[in-house]
Amino acid sequence: MSSSEPVRAAVARLVVRPISGAEHVAFVRAQRSVSFLQTPAWGRVKTEWRSESLGWFDGRRLVGAGLVLHRPVPRLDRFSLAYLPEGPVIDWSGEIGAWLDPLASYLKEHGAFAIRLGPPVVTDTWSAAQVKEGIAAPGVKRLTDLPGQWGDPVGADVSSRLRDAGWLPQNPRDGFGVGHPQFKYEVLLTGRTEAELLGGMSQQWRRNIKRAAKEGVEVTVGDGSPEDLKAFHDLYVHTAERDRFTPRPLRYFETVFAALRAEDPERIKLYMAHHQGDLAAAGVLVHVGTRAVYAYGASATGKREVRGSNACQWAMLRDALAADCDVYDLRGITPTLDADDPHVGLLRFKVGIGGRAARYVGEWDLPLRPMVYRAFDLYMRRRGR
């Protein structure tokens, strides 16, 4: 076992204290799988929050780590919400109180009125075939209505222990909470070949990949030069207008690429699919340990027939496989299977790649100062979070 791997056995007393960025990066590099939201670089992206790296120590040995983002309370700057998105990186399979109790003590002592975290632990999964059957079945409206899903006992135990310890779930019915989605779509890569990945796709996906090649779509991979980021952002804004979501500004993507590449030059890449000189589609791939994440995407409405989005996904999937990743993560989905729901289109696209839908434990809050927490919750509700 590496000296910086999470503890896999019962621990008597862990101590939480700040660690340097260098210590945190070294710990992340020793893990098989860490969310990019739990890297020190992400703290430099979230400039509206104050960030710090915390470590769990068993004696002198660093055995866990977490990126904490602090959000101050309006008009009460001495208090903050302490947020650990998709973290922390600890052993969730054991007695989680041994890990979370010292975290709560440290954060309360340093001005936090509540902790919000999102354990990177799966509770249930559904195969692509199950999801397709559910969409086609008129009486099935949600993933959770489907029979025969696989349940992870660790995820069930984590949820039960959090609830018993006074943590409050922050997971709305549509799967998108105040932070990051509880439901995701993933392709497992361990032990598989390119041929097996293609075989797991829908017939339509395989046709689309062939169509893109026949049409002469070319996918290039870059590190996010200013020119490429501007071209991506223009297409991303077009996509946002078409699909009715609020786009992030170009400066945000410039910050993301600069921060993540400074921490690791291979951490983030921009995939661009061109057709006859025009940008047909693009995608951002983030790679930490054995997890590759399709973080952002864009596509041209006028170039939809050349299937640039499928070409981009296939290029990213193959590169993730070549990099010995365990998981290709297509990020959030909503659990709706209602054919009349506008979110189903995105789900259909992702299901076509094969893989599985997964429900995670989700995000949970622990109020440390209940009166301040209630005031903050009321404030957030009034402004629509």
Protein backbone atom coordinates (compact mmCIF):
# COMPACT_ATOMS: atom_id res chain seq x y z
CA MET A 1 0.00 0.00 0.00
CA SER A 2 1.27 3.47 -0.89
CA SER A 3 1.86 5.77 2.05
CA SER A 4 -0.78 8.12 0.61
CA GLU A 5 -3.54 5.65 -0.19
CA PRO A 6 -6.80 5.92 1.78
CA VAL A 7 -6.89 3.72 4.87
CA ARG A 8 -8.69 0.38 4.22
CA ALA A 9 -9.04 -0.70 7.83
CA ALA A 10 -10.62 0.56 11.02
CA VAL A 11 -8.83 3.54 12.53
CA ALA A 12 -8.83 4.60 16.17
CA ARG A 13 -8.38 8.35 15.82
CA LEU A 14 -7.79 10.41 12.71
CA VAL A 15 -6.73 14.04 12.77
CA VAL A 16 -7.78 16.58 10.13
CA ARG A 17 -5.52 19.50 9.35
CA PRO A 18 -4.56 21.68 6.38
CA ILE A 19 -2.10 20.31 3.82
CA SER A 20 -0.15 22.10 1.14
CA GLY A 21 -1.15 22.08 -2.50
CA ALA A 22 1.90 19.96 -3.27
CA GLU A 23 0.93 17.38 -0.63
CA HIS A 24 -2.60 17.30 -1.99
CA VAL A 25 -1.45 16.82 -5.61
CA ALA A 26 0.89 14.00 -4.56
CA PHE A 27 -1.96 12.29 -2.73
CA VAL A 28 -4.28 12.59 -5.76
CA ARG A 29 -1.63 11.09 -8.02
CA ALA A 30 -1.39 8.03 -5.75
CA GLN A 31 -5.12 7.24 -6.09
CA ARG A 32 -6.80 5.15 -8.75
CA SER A 33 -9.82 7.42 -9.05
CA VAL A 34 -10.41 10.99 -7.90
CA SER A 35 -12.95 13.50 -9.20
CA PHE A 36 -11.34 16.51 -10.87
CA LEU A 37 -13.56 18.53 -8.52
CA GLN A 38 -11.37 17.23 -5.68
CA THR A 39 -8.05 18.46 -7.08
CA PRO A 40 -6.35 21.61 -5.79
CA ALA A 41 -6.60 23.05 -9.31
CA TRP A 42 -10.39 23.16 -9.04
CA GLY A 43 -10.06 25.54 -6.12
CA ARG A 44 -8.27 27.95 -8.48
CA VAL A 45 -11.14 27.65 -10.94
CA LYS A 46 -13.82 28.52 -8.36
CA THR A 47 -12.56 32.05 -7.77
CA GLU A 48 -15.80 33.13 -6.06
CA TRP A 49 -15.10 30.62 -3.27
CA ARG A 50 -12.20 30.42 -0.82
CA SER A 51 -10.51 27.05 -1.08
CA GLU A 52 -8.30 24.97 1.17
CA SER A 53 -6.83 21.47 1.08
CA LEU A 54 -7.41 19.29 4.13
CA GLY A 55 -5.73 16.03 5.00
CA TRP A 56 -6.65 13.13 7.29
CA PHE A 57 -3.67 11.86 9.28
CA ASP A 58 -3.22 8.54 11.05
CA GLY A 59 -0.25 9.55 13.15
CA ARG A 60 2.14 11.11 10.64
CA ARG A 61 0.68 9.29 7.66
CA LEU A 62 -1.60 11.11 5.22
CA VAL A 63 -4.50 8.73 4.59
CA GLY A 64 -7.23 10.95 3.09
CA ALA A 65 -7.66 14.35 1.47
CA GLY A 66 -10.33 16.79 0.43
CA LEU A 67 -10.70 20.09 -1.38
CA VAL A 68 -12.99 22.37 0.62
CA LEU A 69 -14.68 25.33 -1.03
CA HIS A 70 -15.87 27.97 1.44
CA ARG A 71 -18.89 30.11 0.57
CA PRO A 72 -19.51 33.02 2.96
CA VAL A 73 -22.95 33.85 4.30
CA PRO A 74 -24.35 37.16 3.01
CA ARG A 75 -23.92 39.83 5.73
CA LEU A 76 -22.28 37.23 8.00
CA ASP A 77 -18.81 36.95 6.49
CA ARG A 78 -17.34 35.19 9.51
CA PHE A 79 -19.43 32.07 8.70
CA SER A 80 -19.17 29.90 5.59
CA LEU A 81 -20.65 26.86 3.93
CA ALA A 82 -17.88 24.26 3.58
CA TYR A 83 -18.42 22.35 0.34
CA LEU A 84 -16.55 19.21 -0.79
CA PRO A 85 -17.87 18.46 -4.31
CA GLU A 86 -17.70 14.73 -5.16
CA GLY A 87 -15.53 14.17 -2.13
CA PRO A 88 -13.68 13.86 0.12
CA VAL A 89 -11.22 11.13 -0.91
CA ILE A 90 -11.46 8.77 2.05
CA ASP A 91 -12.36 5.13 2.67
CA TRP A 92 -16.16 5.16 2.39
CA SER A 93 -16.44 1.39 2.92
CA GLY A 94 -15.70 1.47 6.65
CA GLU A 95 -16.82 3.42 9.70
CA ILE A 96 -17.39 6.83 8.11
CA GLY A 97 -17.87 8.55 11.46
CA ALA A 98 -14.14 8.09 12.12
CA TRP A 99 -13.52 10.22 9.03
CA LEU A 100 -16.35 12.74 9.12
CA ASP A 101 -16.40 13.57 12.85
CA PRO A 102 -12.90 15.13 12.87
CA LEU A 103 -13.77 16.96 9.63
CA ALA A 104 -16.83 18.48 11.28
CA SER A 105 -14.84 19.47 14.36
CA TYR A 106 -12.13 21.17 12.33
CA LEU A 107 -14.55 23.05 10.05
CA LYS A 108 -16.82 24.23 12.87
CA GLU A 109 -13.80 25.52 14.76
CA HIS A 110 -12.79 27.48 11.66
CA GLY A 111 -16.12 29.18 11.03
CA ALA A 112 -18.21 26.77 8.96
CA PHE A 113 -21.95 26.84 9.70
CA ALA A 114 -22.54 23.67 7.63
CA ILE A 115 -20.75 21.05 5.55
CA ARG A 116 -21.96 19.89 2.16
CA LEU A 117 -20.32 16.86 0.57
CA GLY A 118 -20.97 14.38 -2.21
CA PRO A 119 -19.57 10.91 -1.53
CA PRO A 120 -18.21 9.36 -4.77
CA VAL A 121 -20.13 6.16 -3.99
CA VAL A 122 -22.64 4.37 -6.22
CA THR A 123 -25.94 3.10 -4.79
CA ASP A 124 -27.65 1.62 -7.89
CA THR A 125 -26.94 0.96 -11.57
CA TRP A 126 -29.05 0.12 -14.63
CA SER A 127 -27.72 -1.35 -17.88
CA ALA A 128 -28.20 0.40 -21.22
CA ALA A 129 -30.67 -2.34 -22.20
CA GLN A 130 -32.74 -1.74 -19.06
CA VAL A 131 -32.82 2.01 -19.69
CA LYS A 132 -33.89 1.53 -23.33
CA GLU A 133 -36.67 -0.84 -22.25
CA GLY A 134 -37.79 1.68 -19.65
CA ILE A 135 -38.02 4.52 -22.18
CA ALA A 136 -40.11 2.30 -24.46
CA ALA A 137 -42.44 1.12 -21.68
CA PRO A 138 -45.45 3.48 -21.41
CA GLY A 139 -45.97 2.88 -17.70
CA VAL A 140 -42.38 3.58 -16.64
CA LYS A 141 -41.56 7.21 -15.86
CA ARG A 142 -38.28 7.06 -13.90
CA LEU A 143 -35.13 4.99 -13.61
CA THR A 144 -36.10 4.14 -10.06
CA ASP A 145 -39.31 2.54 -11.37
CA LEU A 146 -37.31 -0.09 -13.26
CA PRO A 147 -37.03 -3.55 -11.71
CA GLY A 148 -33.80 -5.50 -11.49
CA GLN A 149 -31.27 -2.75 -10.94
CA TRP A 150 -27.99 -3.66 -9.24
CA GLY A 151 -27.67 -2.23 -5.75
CA ASP A 152 -24.30 -1.51 -4.13
CA PRO A 153 -24.31 -2.39 -0.41
CA VAL A 154 -21.56 0.16 0.29
CA GLY A 155 -23.70 2.95 -1.15
CA ALA A 156 -26.72 1.85 0.86
CA ASP A 157 -24.62 1.73 4.03
CA VAL A 158 -23.14 5.20 3.44
CA SER A 159 -26.60 6.70 2.94
CA SER A 160 -27.90 5.01 6.10
CA ARG A 161 -24.92 6.12 8.21
CA LEU A 162 -25.13 9.71 6.99
CA ARG A 163 -28.83 9.89 7.81
CA ASP A 164 -28.31 8.36 11.26
CA ALA A 165 -25.56 10.92 11.98
CA GLY A 166 -27.83 13.86 11.22
CA TRP A 167 -26.82 14.60 7.63
CA LEU A 168 -29.62 15.96 5.40
CA PRO A 169 -29.97 14.75 1.77
CA GLN A 170 -29.97 17.50 -0.88
CA ASN A 171 -31.23 15.45 -3.82
CA PRO A 172 -34.36 16.71 -5.61
CA ARG A 173 -36.60 14.46 -7.64
CA ASP A 174 -35.07 15.42 -11.00
CA GLY A 175 -31.59 14.31 -9.89
CA PHE A 176 -29.95 17.74 -10.16
CA GLY A 177 -29.35 19.26 -6.77
CA VAL A 178 -27.84 22.47 -5.53
CA GLY A 179 -24.45 21.21 -6.73
CA HIS A 180 -23.60 18.22 -8.89
CA PRO A 181 -25.91 15.55 -10.33
CA GLN A 182 -26.80 12.42 -8.40
CA PHE A 183 -27.45 10.38 -11.56
CA LYS A 184 -24.69 9.87 -14.14
CA TYR A 185 -24.02 7.87 -17.26
CA GLU A 186 -20.83 5.79 -17.42
CA VAL A 187 -19.01 3.28 -19.61
CA LEU A 188 -16.85 0.73 -17.78
CA LEU A 189 -13.56 0.14 -19.62
CA THR A 190 -11.58 -2.35 -17.52
CA GLY A 191 -10.55 -5.39 -19.54
CA ARG A 192 -12.38 -4.32 -22.70
CA THR A 193 -11.21 -3.80 -26.28
CA GLU A 194 -12.22 -1.24 -28.90
CA ALA A 195 -14.17 -3.95 -30.71
CA GLU A 196 -16.05 -4.80 -27.51
CA LEU A 197 -16.87 -1.15 -26.90
CA LEU A 198 -18.23 -0.81 -30.42
CA GLY A 199 -20.21 -4.01 -29.95
CA GLY A 200 -21.82 -2.57 -26.83
CA MET A 201 -23.09 0.48 -28.72
CA SER A 202 -26.45 0.73 -30.39
CA GLN A 203 -26.66 0.03 -34.11
CA GLN A 204 -27.45 3.72 -34.66
CA TRP A 205 -24.29 4.81 -32.83
CA ARG A 206 -22.13 2.47 -34.91
CA ARG A 207 -23.75 3.80 -38.10
CA ASN A 208 -23.14 7.37 -36.98
CA ILE A 209 -19.45 6.72 -36.31
CA LYS A 210 -19.11 5.18 -39.77
CA ARG A 211 -21.07 8.07 -41.28
CA ALA A 212 -18.71 10.62 -39.74
CA ALA A 213 -15.70 8.81 -41.18
CA LYS A 214 -17.33 8.54 -44.60
CA GLU A 215 -18.18 12.25 -44.60
CA GLY A 216 -14.55 13.09 -43.87
CA VAL A 217 -14.98 14.35 -40.31
CA GLU A 218 -11.56 14.80 -38.69
CA VAL A 219 -11.09 14.90 -34.93
CA THR A 220 -8.05 16.74 -33.59
CA VAL A 221 -6.90 16.95 -29.97
CA GLY A 222 -5.42 20.09 -28.47
CA ASP A 223 -4.51 21.58 -25.11
CA GLY A 224 -6.85 24.56 -25.38
CA SER A 225 -5.02 27.28 -27.29
CA PRO A 226 -6.72 30.71 -27.22
CA GLU A 227 -7.87 30.28 -30.82
CA ASP A 228 -9.30 26.79 -30.23
CA LEU A 229 -11.01 27.82 -27.01
CA LYS A 230 -12.65 30.77 -28.77
CA ALA A 231 -13.90 28.47 -31.57
CA PHE A 232 -15.19 25.97 -29.00
CA HIS A 233 -16.90 28.68 -26.98
CA ASP A 234 -18.66 30.14 -30.02
CA LEU A 235 -20.07 26.68 -30.79
CA TYR A 236 -20.91 26.12 -27.12
CA VAL A 237 -22.92 29.36 -27.01
CA HIS A 238 -24.76 28.26 -30.17
CA THR A 239 -25.53 24.93 -28.46
CA ALA A 240 -26.78 26.72 -25.34
CA GLU A 241 -29.16 28.86 -27.38
CA ARG A 242 -30.50 25.79 -29.21
CA ASP A 243 -30.83 23.58 -26.12
CA ARG A 244 -31.96 26.39 -23.80
CA PHE A 245 -29.33 26.42 -21.08
CA THR A 246 -27.24 29.29 -19.75
CA PRO A 247 -23.68 29.18 -21.16
CA ARG A 248 -20.58 29.90 -19.14
CA PRO A 249 -18.38 32.79 -20.34
CA LEU A 250 -15.20 32.23 -22.34
CA ARG A 251 -13.14 33.42 -19.38
CA TYR A 252 -14.40 30.45 -17.35
CA PHE A 253 -13.03 27.94 -19.85
CA GLU A 254 -9.75 29.85 -20.10
CA THR A 255 -9.43 29.57 -16.31
CA VAL A 256 -10.35 25.86 -16.29
CA PHE A 257 -7.73 24.96 -18.90
CA ALA A 258 -5.02 27.13 -17.33
CA ALA A 259 -5.59 25.80 -13.80
CA LEU A 260 -5.91 22.11 -14.65
CA ARG A 261 -3.00 22.08 -17.11
CA ALA A 262 -0.75 23.87 -14.60
CA GLU A 263 -1.35 21.01 -12.17
CA ASP A 264 -0.89 18.29 -14.82
CA PRO A 265 -0.26 18.97 -18.55
CA GLU A 266 -2.29 15.86 -19.46
CA ARG A 267 -5.24 16.66 -17.19
CA ILE A 268 -7.54 18.33 -19.74
CA LYS A 269 -7.85 18.23 -23.53
CA LEU A 270 -10.09 19.75 -26.18
CA TYR A 271 -11.41 17.47 -28.94
CA MET A 272 -12.56 19.23 -32.12
CA ALA A 273 -14.40 17.56 -35.02
CA HIS A 274 -14.07 19.48 -38.29
CA HIS A 275 -15.97 18.92 -41.52
CA GLN A 276 -14.88 20.73 -44.68
CA GLY A 277 -13.11 23.34 -42.57
CA ASP A 278 -16.06 23.97 -40.24
CA LEU A 279 -16.25 23.01 -36.58
CA ALA A 280 -19.04 20.43 -36.40
CA ALA A 281 -18.66 19.38 -32.76
CA ALA A 282 -16.29 19.64 -29.82
CA GLY A 283 -15.79 18.08 -26.39
CA VAL A 284 -13.68 18.65 -23.28
CA LEU A 285 -12.13 15.56 -21.67
CA VAL A 286 -10.72 15.67 -18.12
CA HIS A 287 -8.54 12.79 -16.95
CA VAL A 288 -7.60 12.10 -13.31
CA GLY A 289 -6.19 8.71 -12.38
CA THR A 290 -8.26 5.99 -14.00
CA ARG A 291 -11.35 8.15 -14.57
CA ALA A 292 -11.92 10.06 -17.82
CA VAL A 293 -14.72 12.63 -17.77
CA TYR A 294 -16.60 14.14 -20.70
CA ALA A 295 -17.04 17.50 -19.00
CA TYR A 296 -18.42 19.83 -21.70
CA GLY A 297 -19.63 19.49 -25.27
CA ALA A 298 -20.98 21.48 -28.20
CA SER A 299 -22.34 20.76 -31.68
CA ALA A 300 -23.36 22.67 -34.79
CA THR A 301 -27.02 22.38 -35.75
CA GLY A 302 -26.21 22.82 -39.43
CA LYS A 303 -23.66 19.99 -39.34
CA ARG A 304 -25.75 17.49 -37.41
CA GLU A 305 -25.97 15.04 -40.34
CA VAL A 306 -22.19 14.48 -40.46
CA ARG A 307 -22.30 13.12 -36.88
CA GLY A 308 -19.39 15.08 -35.45
CA SER A 309 -20.61 14.50 -31.87
CA ASN A 310 -20.40 10.72 -32.32
CA ALA A 311 -16.92 11.08 -33.84
CA CYS A 312 -15.78 13.18 -30.86
CA GLN A 313 -17.18 10.70 -28.35
CA TRP A 314 -15.54 7.75 -30.10
CA ALA A 315 -12.17 9.53 -30.13
CA MET A 316 -12.42 10.37 -26.42
CA LEU A 317 -13.57 6.85 -25.56
CA ARG A 318 -10.68 5.24 -27.43
CA ASP A 319 -8.16 7.59 -25.81
CA ALA A 320 -9.57 6.80 -22.36
CA LEU A 321 -9.22 3.09 -23.10
CA ALA A 322 -5.65 3.56 -24.35
CA ALA A 323 -4.81 5.45 -21.14
CA ASP A 324 -5.91 2.41 -19.05
CA CYS A 325 -8.88 4.22 -17.56
CA ASP A 326 -11.46 2.20 -15.65
CA VAL A 327 -14.40 4.50 -16.35
CA TYR A 328 -15.52 6.89 -19.09
CA ASP A 329 -17.89 9.29 -17.34
CA LEU A 330 -20.47 11.17 -19.44
CA ARG A 331 -21.63 13.14 -16.38
CA GLY A 332 -25.15 14.00 -15.41
CA ILE A 333 -28.50 12.67 -16.49
CA THR A 334 -31.94 13.09 -14.98
CA PRO A 335 -33.74 9.91 -13.89
CA THR A 336 -36.78 10.61 -16.06
CA LEU A 337 -37.77 8.01 -18.65
CA ASP A 338 -40.92 9.84 -19.77
CA ALA A 339 -40.74 10.06 -23.55
CA ASP A 340 -42.42 13.49 -23.40
CA ASP A 341 -39.74 14.94 -21.11
CA PRO A 342 -37.18 17.10 -22.98
CA HIS A 343 -34.33 15.55 -20.97
CA VAL A 344 -34.94 12.14 -22.52
CA GLY A 345 -33.20 13.19 -25.75
CA LEU A 346 -29.88 13.59 -23.94
CA LEU A 347 -30.41 10.30 -22.14
CA ARG A 348 -31.10 8.51 -25.44
CA PHE A 349 -27.86 9.91 -26.89
CA LYS A 350 -25.82 8.69 -23.93
CA VAL A 351 -27.52 5.29 -23.72
CA GLY A 352 -26.56 4.64 -27.34
CA ILE A 353 -22.88 4.46 -26.34
CA GLY A 354 -23.58 1.40 -24.15
CA GLY A 355 -22.55 1.43 -20.53
CA ARG A 356 -24.83 2.06 -17.58
CA ALA A 357 -26.84 4.64 -15.70
CA ALA A 358 -25.67 5.05 -12.11
CA ARG A 359 -27.21 6.64 -9.05
CA TYR A 360 -24.73 7.97 -6.50
CA VAL A 361 -25.26 8.69 -2.82
CA GLY A 362 -25.79 12.34 -3.77
CA GLU A 363 -25.06 15.48 -1.80
CA TRP A 364 -25.69 15.81 1.93
CA ASP A 365 -25.57 18.70 4.40
CA LEU A 366 -24.55 18.63 8.05
CA PRO A 367 -25.69 21.79 9.90
CA LEU A 368 -23.02 22.83 12.40
CA ARG A 369 -24.78 26.05 13.44
CA PRO A 370 -28.48 25.31 12.87
CA MET A 371 -29.77 28.90 13.10
CA VAL A 372 -27.27 30.17 10.55
CA TYR A 373 -27.95 27.14 8.35
CA ARG A 374 -31.70 27.84 8.35
CA ALA A 375 -31.09 31.49 7.46
CA PHE A 376 -28.77 30.49 4.61
CA ASP A 377 -31.23 27.88 3.34
CA LEU A 378 -34.02 30.46 3.31
CA TYR A 379 -31.79 32.94 1.48
CA MET A 380 -30.91 30.35 -1.17
CA ARG A 381 -34.52 29.33 -1.64
CA ARG A 382 -35.56 32.95 -2.18
CA ARG A 383 -32.94 33.47 -4.87
CA GLY A 384 -33.67 30.10 -6.51
CA ARG A 385 -30.33 28.69 -5.34
